[in-house]
């Protein structure tokens, strides 16, 4: 049918990841409900076509893709308020982080993003808690990071976090980071264990530390120009499909974390679990950043995460 609505969904990981499987969930739901009214296609990993991971942002904003996802840190230069959720040790548990991002905090961020980019924000996938991996040595204290060149997401808050921890942060796109890790030209990176395994980092980094220093979500955004022109029933169906896909993806993410830990250990790598005192030492080192954040972001945002 020539008037079928084109829906092109994309990401930056293999088809087997929980994010790609969640896109499939959305597509299959819409295809079952709307049949020939829609034409759904997927681009699982834009990096395989020469794009950078961050390019997913403009590919959707300008309509080359209809729907995508990306870690919120990639948007902080355009939506400064998102730097708030880059703060270290803001959340202690998944449940608290999910409640905040699914509640007033996530709604606040969605409104800010939609004010500045040509998106509709439909929900948030869970990228989860992030950990440090490196090729040099076991990391148990901030002193162990001294002078270590570490890739961080393109966020000034994250860069400042690792400066306070004594490392040398590099705000690089994922594509640059993977190449540098394979070449051995940087020392460290930080990611959820599942991402570390997905991108093969565990084959080059022997040392892994479960620091849980950041919790990051991935906004799910659609090209607003197209979405707003869709029939109302398709808009509503897409919103509902995404909501259900978020639950599906988060359940998969829990299992992916377990599988990734096993894969890291199977590669002969060490996974260091910090004691409470060791964890507190990392949190103490970044307290100046949190003090500055209370002035910059105000009480209201901290109250949204129960840390007012």
Foldseek 3Di string as FASTA:
>chain_A
DVQAAEAEEEAAFDCPALQNVLVVLLVVLCCVVPPRNHDYYYHYRCVVVVDFRLVVQVCFLVPVHFKYKDWLQSCCVQQVLSLVQQAWPLDDDPVLVVQLCVDDNVVVVQVSCVVGTQKHWLGWAWQFFKWKFWAPDADLALVVQAAAEEEDAQHPNNQVLNVLSRHHYDHDTPVVVLVCLVVVVGTMYMGQLLVCVRSPSLLRTQYIERQSTGTIIMTMIGRNVSLVPDPPVSNVSSSVSSVVSNVSSVVSVVVSSVVSVVVSVVSVHDYHYHDPVSSVNSVVSCVVSVVVVCVVPHDVSSVSSPND
